[in-house]
Amino acid sequence: MSTEANPDTTAIEIPDAELFRDAGRLKEKVVIITGAANGIGKETAVKMASYGQVPSVNLEMGIVTHLAKLVIGDRDLPGAEQVVEEIRNAGGKATCIKCDVTVFDHIVALYELAMKTYGGVDVVIPNAGVNEVDRLGDLRFDENGKPKGPQWRTIQINLVGVFNTLHLAQHYLLKNSGDLKAVVLLGSIASWIAIPGAPQYSASKHGVLGLMRSLHPIYEKFGIRIAAIHPFFADTGIIPLPAKIFLTGIPLVPVPRIAGAITYAATNPNPATSGCAYLLTDNGPVFKVPKEEFKLGVYGMIDTRKNALLKAAGGILAFRKIVTSTPVLALLIAGVSWVLYGRYGKQLGF
């Protein structure tokens, strides 16, 4: 089945059968992934390392084709080691290290482990994330009755941790000369809509989407593809029990499908897919939102204004370049400006 546009939206449906279509590109590639001791990260690591559809005839013949070499960073080292053992027992390749994404030196060690063990980095997936840890406005007081400062743990892990990981990504990705260089970020449906009672989580996931959009034009120049995955609630450990009870009866997003969306975003060879967002709004299919569709409604108004300002700024810069390269013209313009200021300045209120 081929991808097709949904008539009710500008998004493009990606059938499950296509999510691992290009997974063969991961063969012998090195994937760094944080937060893969459980949940979405674990599922993605296992899929990428051991069970890709490369090609589909191999599955029909009962042949498992082993793909990527996984480098896992997680605060839960025992959990990460279990994932590595599972991958290796299936014949795949993986290693791990204890990693707190809020500590930059831990991120450096993660990349260096990839270089030392497998000689390169091809795909980076900053997956580590938490739910709302400290509620905004819930004050704590010291022994003198003064309010204590907030810790912003959710912001630190979900956003600063991603920044830490990406601060090194371009440097290491450009060390390889292969045809696959990709970054896949983990956003959320909270990247698009606010979740009442979870301001830190909502802000952090809005930030992930903004980060992806900001980096796309920069990465594009270096042949690095970037995308962001935005699932609705999935049945993982990140959802607290009260929320799961509240969501009873509401279809959650299957974790394997999220892993498929991550794989699809990482391996799609079409450069035009860089800068796209992928939505998983329920237990239905994955929807791709092309970057061009971020320019509708209010976004469209802002984009039009931005382009007009950039065009004006371009004219100013061109004028400035001409003036600075021609001293005589600069003096002439300065003289005329001075005369006009002397004659009309007071009338204009200068």
Protein backbone atom coordinates (compact mmCIF):
# COMPACT_ATOMS: atom_id res chain seq x y z
CA MET A 1 0.00 0.00 0.00
CA SER A 2 1.36 3.42 -0.86
CA THR A 3 1.15 6.51 1.26
CA GLU A 4 -1.80 8.76 0.57
CA ALA A 5 -3.12 12.07 1.84
CA ASN A 6 -5.95 12.03 4.33
CA PRO A 7 -8.86 14.04 2.82
CA ASP A 8 -9.65 15.57 6.22
CA THR A 9 -6.15 16.86 6.87
CA THR A 10 -2.93 17.89 5.17
CA ALA A 11 -1.13 14.97 6.82
CA ILE A 12 -0.10 11.91 4.81
CA GLU A 13 -0.94 8.44 6.12
CA ILE A 14 1.96 6.00 6.45
CA PRO A 15 0.67 2.38 6.54
CA ASP A 16 2.30 -0.01 9.00
CA ALA A 17 3.58 -2.08 6.09
CA GLU A 18 5.82 0.80 5.02
CA LEU A 19 7.34 1.74 8.35
CA PHE A 20 10.27 -0.65 7.93
CA ARG A 21 10.44 -0.35 4.14
CA ASP A 22 13.90 1.26 4.17
CA ALA A 23 15.19 -0.41 7.33
CA GLY A 24 17.86 -2.13 5.24
CA ARG A 25 19.74 1.17 5.23
CA LEU A 26 20.49 0.54 8.90
CA LYS A 27 22.64 -2.49 8.18
CA GLU A 28 26.01 -2.03 9.87
CA LYS A 29 25.07 1.53 10.84
CA VAL A 30 25.63 2.85 14.35
CA VAL A 31 22.63 4.20 16.27
CA ILE A 32 22.92 6.19 19.48
CA ILE A 33 19.74 6.18 21.54
CA THR A 34 19.11 7.53 25.04
CA GLY A 35 16.48 6.25 27.43
CA ALA A 36 16.33 2.79 25.87
CA ALA A 37 16.23 0.67 29.03
CA ASN A 38 12.47 0.37 28.62
CA GLY A 39 9.40 1.62 26.78
CA ILE A 40 9.65 3.28 23.38
CA GLY A 41 13.45 3.41 23.49
CA LYS A 42 13.79 -0.30 24.20
CA GLU A 43 11.32 -1.26 21.48
CA THR A 44 13.13 0.95 18.97
CA ALA A 45 16.56 -0.39 19.89
CA VAL A 46 15.45 -4.02 19.59
CA LYS A 47 13.65 -3.42 16.30
CA MET A 48 16.55 -1.57 14.73
CA ALA A 49 19.12 -4.10 15.91
CA SER A 50 17.41 -7.37 15.20
CA TYR A 51 14.09 -7.51 13.45
CA GLY A 52 14.00 -5.19 10.47
CA GLN A 53 12.20 -6.22 7.29
CA VAL A 54 15.19 -6.43 4.93
CA PRO A 55 13.74 -7.34 2.52
CA SER A 56 10.26 -8.79 3.18
CA VAL A 57 11.19 -12.05 1.41
CA ASN A 58 13.61 -12.73 4.26
CA LEU A 59 10.71 -12.77 6.70
CA GLU A 60 8.80 -15.19 4.52
CA MET A 61 11.82 -17.48 4.53
CA GLY A 62 12.14 -17.17 8.30
CA ILE A 63 15.48 -15.38 8.06
CA VAL A 64 16.19 -12.65 10.61
CA THR A 65 18.41 -9.95 9.15
CA HIS A 66 20.43 -8.11 11.76
CA LEU A 67 20.75 -4.43 11.19
CA ALA A 68 22.09 -1.57 13.25
CA LYS A 69 24.70 -1.53 15.98
CA LEU A 70 23.06 0.02 19.02
CA VAL A 71 24.73 2.28 21.57
CA ILE A 72 22.38 2.83 24.51
CA GLY A 73 22.67 5.50 27.17
CA ASP A 74 20.36 5.33 30.19
CA ARG A 75 20.37 6.20 33.90
CA ASP A 76 18.98 2.71 34.49
CA LEU A 77 22.16 0.80 33.69
CA PRO A 78 20.84 -2.66 34.73
CA GLY A 79 17.82 -2.12 32.48
CA ALA A 80 20.03 -1.02 29.59
CA GLU A 81 22.27 -4.05 30.08
CA GLN A 82 19.23 -6.34 29.85
CA VAL A 83 18.28 -4.75 26.53
CA VAL A 84 21.84 -5.20 25.26
CA GLU A 85 21.73 -8.86 26.33
CA GLU A 86 18.41 -9.35 24.54
CA ILE A 87 19.82 -7.86 21.35
CA ARG A 88 22.98 -9.94 21.53
CA ASN A 89 21.05 -13.14 22.26
CA ALA A 90 19.11 -12.51 19.04
CA GLY A 91 22.43 -12.20 17.18
CA GLY A 92 22.57 -8.41 17.07
CA LYS A 93 25.21 -5.94 18.21
CA ALA A 94 24.80 -3.51 21.09
CA THR A 95 26.57 -1.85 23.98
CA CYS A 96 25.52 0.56 26.70
CA ILE A 97 26.69 3.03 29.31
CA LYS A 98 25.14 4.71 32.34
CA CYS A 99 24.05 8.13 31.12
CA ASP A 100 22.19 11.04 32.67
CA VAL A 101 21.30 13.26 29.70
CA THR A 102 21.38 16.36 31.91
CA VAL A 103 25.11 15.81 32.51
CA PHE A 104 27.03 16.87 29.42
CA ASP A 105 30.10 14.75 30.24
CA HIS A 106 27.85 11.67 30.21
CA ILE A 107 26.75 12.55 26.67
CA VAL A 108 30.37 12.95 25.59
CA ALA A 109 31.13 9.52 27.02
CA LEU A 110 28.17 8.05 25.13
CA TYR A 111 29.43 9.33 21.77
CA GLU A 112 32.99 8.26 22.56
CA LEU A 113 31.74 4.77 23.40
CA ALA A 114 30.14 4.60 19.95
CA MET A 115 33.37 5.73 18.29
CA LYS A 116 35.55 3.36 20.31
CA THR A 117 33.28 0.32 19.92
CA TYR A 118 31.94 0.69 16.38
CA GLY A 119 34.00 3.46 14.78
CA GLY A 120 31.27 5.99 14.00
CA VAL A 121 27.79 7.42 14.48
CA ASP A 122 25.06 7.35 11.80
CA VAL A 123 21.76 7.92 13.63
CA VAL A 124 21.05 9.85 16.83
CA ILE A 125 17.80 9.40 18.78
CA PRO A 126 17.49 11.55 21.94
CA ASN A 127 14.65 9.51 23.39
CA ALA A 128 15.09 9.97 27.15
CA GLY A 129 12.12 11.68 28.75
CA VAL A 130 9.95 11.91 31.85
CA ASN A 131 6.47 13.13 32.70
CA GLU A 132 5.61 16.12 34.92
CA VAL A 133 7.95 15.75 37.91
CA ASP A 134 7.45 19.01 39.83
CA ARG A 135 4.21 20.91 39.42
CA LEU A 136 4.44 24.61 38.69
CA GLY A 137 3.18 26.59 41.69
CA ASP A 138 3.49 23.73 44.20
CA LEU A 139 5.80 25.51 46.60
CA ARG A 140 8.17 23.93 49.07
CA PHE A 141 9.52 25.88 52.01
CA ASP A 142 12.79 25.79 53.91
CA GLU A 143 13.17 25.73 57.69
CA ASN A 144 12.74 29.52 57.77
CA GLY A 145 9.47 29.41 55.88
CA LYS A 146 10.94 30.83 52.66
CA PRO A 147 9.96 29.28 49.30
CA LYS A 148 12.51 26.93 47.77
CA GLY A 149 13.42 27.30 44.12
CA PRO A 150 11.99 24.81 41.59
CA GLN A 151 14.18 22.05 40.16
CA TRP A 152 12.67 21.95 36.65
CA ARG A 153 13.57 18.26 36.33
CA THR A 154 11.12 17.72 33.46
CA ILE A 155 12.57 20.62 31.47
CA GLN A 156 16.12 19.46 32.23
CA ILE A 157 15.57 15.91 30.94
CA ASN A 158 13.04 16.47 28.13
CA LEU A 159 14.59 19.58 26.62
CA VAL A 160 18.05 20.36 27.99
CA GLY A 161 18.95 16.68 27.67
CA VAL A 162 17.99 16.82 23.98
CA PHE A 163 20.07 19.97 23.53
CA ASN A 164 23.03 18.24 25.19
CA THR A 165 22.70 15.26 22.85
CA LEU A 166 22.33 17.38 19.72
CA HIS A 167 25.18 19.71 20.69
CA LEU A 168 27.49 16.84 19.71
CA ALA A 169 25.39 15.19 17.00
CA GLN A 170 26.53 17.21 13.99
CA HIS A 171 30.20 16.86 14.93
CA TYR A 172 30.05 13.07 15.12
CA LEU A 173 27.62 12.49 12.25
CA LEU A 174 29.87 14.38 9.87
CA LYS A 175 32.77 12.09 10.74
CA ASN A 176 31.14 9.35 8.68
CA SER A 177 31.13 9.41 4.89
CA GLY A 178 28.10 7.16 4.47
CA ASP A 179 24.77 8.00 2.89
CA LEU A 180 22.81 7.82 6.15
CA LYS A 181 23.00 10.68 8.64
CA ALA A 182 19.83 11.15 10.66
CA VAL A 183 18.48 12.64 13.87
CA VAL A 184 15.04 11.65 15.19
CA LEU A 185 13.57 13.58 18.11
CA LEU A 186 10.80 12.38 20.42
CA GLY A 187 8.09 14.96 20.77
CA SER A 188 4.53 14.28 21.87
CA ILE A 189 0.98 15.25 21.09
CA ALA A 190 1.85 17.85 23.77
CA SER A 191 4.12 19.44 21.16
CA TRP A 192 0.91 20.63 19.48
CA ILE A 193 -1.66 20.98 22.25
CA ALA A 194 -1.26 21.98 25.88
CA ILE A 195 -1.87 19.40 28.60
CA PRO A 196 -3.59 21.03 31.58
CA GLY A 197 -1.66 20.43 34.77
CA ALA A 198 1.55 19.60 32.91
CA PRO A 199 3.12 22.94 31.94
CA GLN A 200 6.71 21.71 32.10
CA TYR A 201 5.97 18.67 29.97
CA SER A 202 3.97 20.73 27.44
CA ALA A 203 6.66 23.41 27.26
CA SER A 204 9.44 20.86 26.84
CA LYS A 205 7.66 19.04 24.02
CA HIS A 206 6.72 22.29 22.27
CA GLY A 207 10.43 23.06 22.54
CA VAL A 208 11.39 19.76 20.87
CA LEU A 209 9.23 20.60 17.84
CA GLY A 210 10.71 24.10 17.67
CA LEU A 211 14.21 22.67 17.93
CA MET A 212 13.58 20.29 15.04
CA ARG A 213 12.24 23.10 12.85
CA SER A 214 15.17 25.35 13.74
CA LEU A 215 17.84 22.74 13.01
CA HIS A 216 16.36 21.46 9.74
CA PRO A 217 17.72 24.22 7.43
CA ILE A 218 21.14 23.95 9.09
CA TYR A 219 21.33 20.15 8.93
CA GLU A 220 20.06 20.19 5.35
CA LYS A 221 23.28 21.88 4.22
CA PHE A 222 25.30 18.98 5.64
CA GLY A 223 23.11 16.15 4.37
CA ILE A 224 21.74 15.36 7.83
CA ARG A 225 18.04 14.52 7.97
CA ILE A 226 16.02 15.42 11.05
CA ALA A 227 12.44 14.64 12.06
CA ALA A 228 10.27 14.53 15.18
CA ILE A 229 7.83 11.83 16.30
CA HIS A 230 4.70 12.92 18.19
CA PRO A 231 2.71 10.09 19.79
CA PHE A 232 -0.45 10.43 21.83
CA PHE A 233 -0.38 8.57 25.15
CA ALA A 234 1.37 5.23 24.83
CA ASP A 235 1.29 2.39 27.33
CA THR A 236 4.73 2.99 28.81
CA GLY A 237 6.17 3.62 32.25
CA ILE A 238 6.17 7.37 31.67
CA ILE A 239 2.39 7.53 32.22
CA PRO A 240 1.58 7.64 35.94
CA LEU A 241 -1.10 5.29 37.28
CA PRO A 242 -3.71 8.05 37.86
CA ALA A 243 -3.39 9.10 34.22
CA LYS A 244 -3.78 5.50 33.05
CA ILE A 245 -6.96 5.21 35.09
CA PHE A 246 -8.22 8.47 33.61
CA LEU A 247 -7.44 7.18 30.10
CA THR A 248 -9.33 3.92 30.62
CA GLY A 249 -11.30 3.16 27.46
CA ILE A 250 -9.23 5.53 25.33
CA PRO A 251 -7.08 3.68 22.74
CA LEU A 252 -3.40 4.16 23.47
CA VAL A 253 -0.76 4.27 20.75
CA PRO A 254 0.94 0.85 20.28
CA VAL A 255 4.60 1.13 21.25
CA PRO A 256 5.76 -1.04 18.29
CA ARG A 257 4.12 1.44 15.91
CA ILE A 258 6.01 4.32 17.52
CA ALA A 259 9.25 2.36 17.06
CA GLY A 260 8.24 1.85 13.43
CA ALA A 261 7.67 5.57 12.96
CA ILE A 262 11.11 6.31 14.42
CA THR A 263 12.69 3.78 12.07
CA TYR A 264 10.79 5.19 9.09
CA ALA A 265 11.88 8.75 9.91
CA ALA A 266 15.50 7.68 10.37
CA THR A 267 15.80 5.60 7.20
CA ASN A 268 13.61 7.26 4.56
CA PRO A 269 16.10 8.15 1.78
CA ASN A 270 14.06 11.08 0.45
CA PRO A 271 15.77 14.34 1.54
CA ALA A 272 12.41 16.11 1.31
CA THR A 273 11.23 14.22 4.40
CA SER A 274 13.73 16.10 6.55
CA GLY A 275 11.99 18.62 8.75
CA CYS A 276 8.76 16.61 8.86
CA ALA A 277 6.72 15.71 11.90
CA TYR A 278 5.06 12.33 12.41
CA LEU A 279 1.83 12.16 14.40
CA LEU A 280 0.39 9.09 16.13
CA THR A 281 -2.88 10.39 17.50
CA ASP A 282 -4.48 7.13 18.67
CA ASN A 283 -4.20 3.42 17.89
CA GLY A 284 -4.55 4.23 14.18
CA PRO A 285 -1.83 4.78 11.55
CA VAL A 286 1.14 7.13 11.49
CA PHE A 287 0.59 10.48 9.80
CA LYS A 288 3.41 12.49 8.25
CA VAL A 289 3.07 16.28 8.40
CA PRO A 290 5.36 17.78 5.72
CA LYS A 291 7.28 20.87 6.78
CA GLU A 292 5.40 22.89 4.15
CA GLU A 293 2.18 22.31 6.10
CA PHE A 294 3.52 24.25 9.07
CA LYS A 295 2.55 27.41 7.15
CA LEU A 296 -1.23 27.35 7.46
CA GLY A 297 -3.49 29.55 9.60
CA VAL A 298 -1.57 31.61 12.14
CA TYR A 299 1.64 29.89 11.09
CA GLY A 300 0.98 31.11 7.54
CA MET A 301 0.50 34.69 8.68
CA ILE A 302 3.72 34.59 10.70
CA ASP A 303 5.60 32.98 7.81
CA THR A 304 4.44 35.71 5.40
CA ARG A 305 5.55 38.43 7.81
CA LYS A 306 8.86 36.69 8.40
CA ASN A 307 9.59 36.41 4.67
CA ALA A 308 8.77 40.08 4.16
CA LEU A 309 11.10 41.10 6.99
CA LEU A 310 13.88 38.86 5.72
CA LYS A 311 13.48 40.30 2.24
CA ALA A 312 13.74 43.83 3.65
CA ALA A 313 16.72 42.82 5.75
CA GLY A 314 18.35 41.37 2.64
CA GLY A 315 17.90 44.70 0.86
CA ILE A 316 19.40 46.58 3.79
CA LEU A 317 22.39 44.22 3.91
CA ALA A 318 22.93 44.57 0.15
CA PHE A 319 22.79 48.37 0.44
CA ARG A 320 25.16 48.26 3.38
CA LYS A 321 27.60 46.09 1.42
CA ILE A 322 27.62 48.51 -1.50
CA VAL A 323 28.11 51.51 0.78
CA THR A 324 30.91 49.98 2.82
CA SER A 325 32.74 48.90 -0.32
CA THR A 326 32.52 52.42 -1.80
CA PRO A 327 33.87 55.04 0.66
CA VAL A 328 33.06 58.02 -1.59
CA LEU A 329 29.43 56.90 -1.87
CA ALA A 330 29.29 56.43 1.90
CA LEU A 331 30.50 60.00 2.46
CA LEU A 332 28.01 61.35 -0.07
CA ILE A 333 25.10 59.56 1.60
CA ALA A 334 26.25 60.72 5.03
CA GLY A 335 26.42 64.32 3.81
CA VAL A 336 22.95 64.26 2.24
CA SER A 337 21.56 62.64 5.40
CA TRP A 338 23.08 65.37 7.55
CA VAL A 339 21.58 68.15 5.36
CA LEU A 340 18.13 66.52 5.42
CA TYR A 341 18.33 66.06 9.18
CA GLY A 342 19.24 69.76 9.65
CA ARG A 343 16.36 70.90 7.49
CA TYR A 344 13.57 68.48 8.45
CA GLY A 345 14.71 66.79 11.67
CA LYS A 346 12.84 69.06 14.10
CA GLN A 347 9.67 68.92 11.98
CA LEU A 348 9.74 65.15 12.11
CA GLY A 349 10.36 65.12 15.86
CA PHE A 350 13.97 63.84 15.77
